[in-house]
Amino acid sequence: MSASSTARRIAATVLAAGAMLSVAALPASAHDGDRDHRRTPKVEISAVQADSPGRDTRSNRSLNGEWVEITNNSRHGVDLDGWTLKDEDGHTYRFEDFRLAGRSTVRVHTGEGRDTRTDLFQDRRNYVWNNDSDTATLRDDRGRTVDTETWGHHRHHNHDHR
């Protein structure tokens, strides 16, 4: 057997093995939790700072020290128009005319401010997120829960925020 035919056989064997590995790996990657990530972008609550740094003075700076981060882990932008972010007491922030770019994060602050691509403001004069325990719920424009983040002891009744 010549060296060139041996090289061809080795190359064919390597290619065939690679093809077999690709076929074997397809079902595992396509079956990621029964979700088609091309149709359902992975948007999540990635961080929460419920207790603003320092004393709770209700100053705009202190109010903006509490926030929730929303992250889009997909490559494609997601239109958040009509989506909501809500706490256990029913305080609701509605996203309006906002598109979250692929692989990016927006921080939703409680206080007043000028909206940008990376920071949105609820324009509230009172705290929303309870320091000790609360749940942040992100819902899409059809009211479907996209993600929740809970901290502290789960509450079953309403009480003062601080």
Protein backbone atom coordinates (compact mmCIF):
# COMPACT_ATOMS: atom_id res chain seq x y z
CA MET A 1 0.00 0.00 0.00
CA SER A 2 1.33 3.45 -0.91
CA ALA A 3 1.80 6.32 1.54
CA SER A 4 -0.87 8.41 -0.23
CA SER A 5 -3.53 5.69 0.03
CA THR A 6 -2.64 5.20 3.72
CA ALA A 7 -3.01 8.94 4.28
CA ARG A 8 -6.41 8.87 2.50
CA ARG A 9 -7.58 5.97 4.67
CA ILE A 10 -6.48 7.74 7.86
CA ALA A 11 -8.21 10.94 6.73
CA ALA A 12 -11.40 9.03 5.88
CA THR A 13 -11.34 7.29 9.28
CA VAL A 14 -10.88 10.62 11.11
CA LEU A 15 -13.69 12.23 9.12
CA ALA A 16 -16.01 9.28 9.74
CA ALA A 17 -15.26 9.37 13.48
CA GLY A 18 -15.93 13.11 13.55
CA ALA A 19 -19.23 12.63 11.77
CA MET A 20 -20.25 9.91 14.24
CA LEU A 21 -19.42 12.20 17.19
CA SER A 22 -21.45 15.03 15.63
CA VAL A 23 -24.47 12.79 15.15
CA ALA A 24 -24.19 11.44 18.70
CA ALA A 25 -23.94 14.97 20.12
CA LEU A 26 -26.92 16.39 18.23
CA PRO A 27 -29.72 15.01 20.37
CA ALA A 28 -28.05 16.17 23.59
CA SER A 29 -27.68 19.76 22.46
CA ALA A 30 -31.06 19.90 20.73
CA HIS A 31 -32.84 18.51 23.80
CA ASP A 32 -31.74 21.15 26.30
CA GLY A 33 -34.64 21.02 28.75
CA ASP A 34 -37.25 20.62 25.99
CA ARG A 35 -36.79 24.28 25.06
CA ASP A 36 -35.98 25.57 21.63
CA HIS A 37 -33.61 28.42 22.44
CA ARG A 38 -33.97 29.87 18.95
CA ARG A 39 -37.65 30.57 19.61
CA THR A 40 -37.49 31.22 23.36
CA PRO A 41 -34.66 33.64 24.09
CA LYS A 42 -33.06 33.14 27.48
CA VAL A 43 -33.95 36.29 29.39
CA GLU A 44 -33.51 36.10 33.15
CA ILE A 45 -33.26 38.03 36.38
CA SER A 46 -29.50 37.89 36.83
CA ALA A 47 -29.01 39.95 40.01
CA VAL A 48 -30.98 41.84 42.65
CA GLN A 49 -29.84 44.49 45.09
CA ALA A 50 -32.87 44.85 47.35
CA ASP A 51 -31.07 46.66 50.17
CA SER A 52 -29.56 49.89 48.86
CA PRO A 53 -26.14 50.68 50.34
CA GLY A 54 -26.10 52.95 53.38
CA ARG A 55 -29.09 54.21 55.32
CA ASP A 56 -32.59 54.05 53.83
CA THR A 57 -33.24 57.78 53.41
CA ARG A 58 -35.65 57.64 50.45
CA SER A 59 -33.32 60.03 48.62
CA ASN A 60 -33.20 59.44 44.88
CA ARG A 61 -29.64 58.15 45.26
CA SER A 62 -30.75 55.63 47.90
CA LEU A 63 -33.81 54.60 45.85
CA ASN A 64 -31.62 53.99 42.82
CA GLY A 65 -29.30 51.90 45.00
CA GLU A 66 -31.94 49.16 44.88
CA TRP A 67 -32.26 47.52 41.49
CA VAL A 68 -32.92 44.35 39.52
CA GLU A 69 -30.77 43.26 36.60
CA ILE A 70 -32.33 41.59 33.57
CA THR A 71 -29.95 39.71 31.26
CA ASN A 72 -30.49 38.44 27.72
CA ASN A 73 -28.18 35.43 27.33
CA SER A 74 -29.11 34.79 23.71
CA ARG A 75 -27.34 36.24 20.70
CA HIS A 76 -30.49 37.96 19.47
CA GLY A 77 -32.17 41.09 20.80
CA VAL A 78 -35.50 40.73 22.61
CA ASP A 79 -38.32 43.28 22.50
CA LEU A 80 -39.36 43.77 26.15
CA ASP A 81 -42.23 46.14 25.29
CA GLY A 82 -45.15 45.15 27.53
CA TRP A 83 -43.06 42.91 29.81
CA THR A 84 -43.43 43.47 33.57
CA LEU A 85 -41.26 43.25 36.67
CA LYS A 86 -43.27 42.82 39.86
CA ASP A 87 -42.70 42.35 43.60
CA GLU A 88 -44.81 40.33 46.07
CA ASP A 89 -46.79 43.42 47.12
CA GLY A 90 -47.91 44.05 43.54
CA HIS A 91 -45.64 46.98 42.66
CA THR A 92 -45.29 46.60 38.90
CA TYR A 93 -42.87 48.15 36.42
CA ARG A 94 -43.88 47.88 32.76
CA PHE A 95 -41.18 47.98 30.08
CA GLU A 96 -42.12 50.37 27.28
CA ASP A 97 -40.39 50.67 23.92
CA PHE A 98 -37.31 48.84 25.13
CA ARG A 99 -35.25 46.28 23.23
CA LEU A 100 -32.63 44.32 25.18
CA ALA A 101 -29.72 43.57 22.89
CA GLY A 102 -28.26 40.10 22.65
CA ARG A 103 -25.83 39.12 25.39
CA SER A 104 -26.54 42.26 27.39
CA THR A 105 -27.94 43.38 30.73
CA VAL A 106 -30.18 46.23 31.83
CA ARG A 107 -30.46 47.41 35.44
CA VAL A 108 -33.95 48.52 36.53
CA HIS A 109 -33.58 51.10 39.34
CA THR A 110 -36.39 52.06 41.71
CA GLY A 111 -35.88 55.84 41.75
CA GLU A 112 -35.95 58.55 39.11
CA GLY A 113 -33.50 58.92 36.25
CA ARG A 114 -32.97 59.06 32.52
CA ASP A 115 -33.42 55.71 30.75
CA THR A 116 -30.48 54.37 28.74
CA ARG A 117 -29.59 51.04 27.09
CA THR A 118 -28.06 49.82 30.37
CA ASP A 119 -30.21 51.55 33.03
CA LEU A 120 -33.97 51.98 33.33
CA PHE A 121 -35.80 53.86 36.09
CA GLN A 122 -39.17 53.17 37.68
CA ASP A 123 -39.46 56.84 38.75
CA ARG A 124 -40.75 55.93 42.22
CA ARG A 125 -40.39 57.90 45.43
CA ASN A 126 -40.65 54.86 47.72
CA TYR A 127 -38.72 51.59 47.94
CA VAL A 128 -40.11 48.55 46.12
CA TRP A 129 -37.95 45.58 47.10
CA ASN A 130 -38.07 44.38 50.70
CA ASN A 131 -34.66 44.03 52.32
CA ASP A 132 -35.49 40.92 54.35
CA SER A 133 -37.52 38.91 51.85
CA ASP A 134 -39.32 39.34 48.56
CA THR A 135 -39.75 37.84 45.11
CA ALA A 136 -39.05 39.59 41.81
CA THR A 137 -41.14 38.18 38.95
CA LEU A 138 -40.42 38.89 35.29
CA ARG A 139 -43.31 38.26 32.89
CA ASP A 140 -43.46 38.60 29.12
CA ASP A 141 -46.04 40.64 27.19
CA ARG A 142 -48.48 37.70 27.32
CA GLY A 143 -48.29 37.45 31.11
CA ARG A 144 -46.19 34.27 31.12
CA THR A 145 -43.61 34.03 33.90
CA VAL A 146 -40.14 34.20 32.38
CA ASP A 147 -38.13 34.14 35.61
CA THR A 148 -38.39 34.72 39.36
CA GLU A 149 -35.82 35.51 42.01
CA THR A 150 -36.65 35.05 45.70
CA TRP A 151 -34.59 36.05 48.72
CA GLY A 152 -35.05 35.78 52.47
CA HIS A 153 -38.02 33.98 54.00
CA HIS A 154 -40.91 33.66 51.59
CA ARG A 155 -43.80 35.83 52.79
CA HIS A 156 -47.47 34.91 52.71
CA HIS A 157 -48.79 38.33 53.71
CA ASN A 158 -48.00 41.97 53.03
CA HIS A 159 -46.09 44.06 55.53
CA ASP A 160 -43.94 47.18 55.61
CA HIS A 161 -40.93 47.25 53.29
CA ARG A 162 -38.25 48.21 55.76
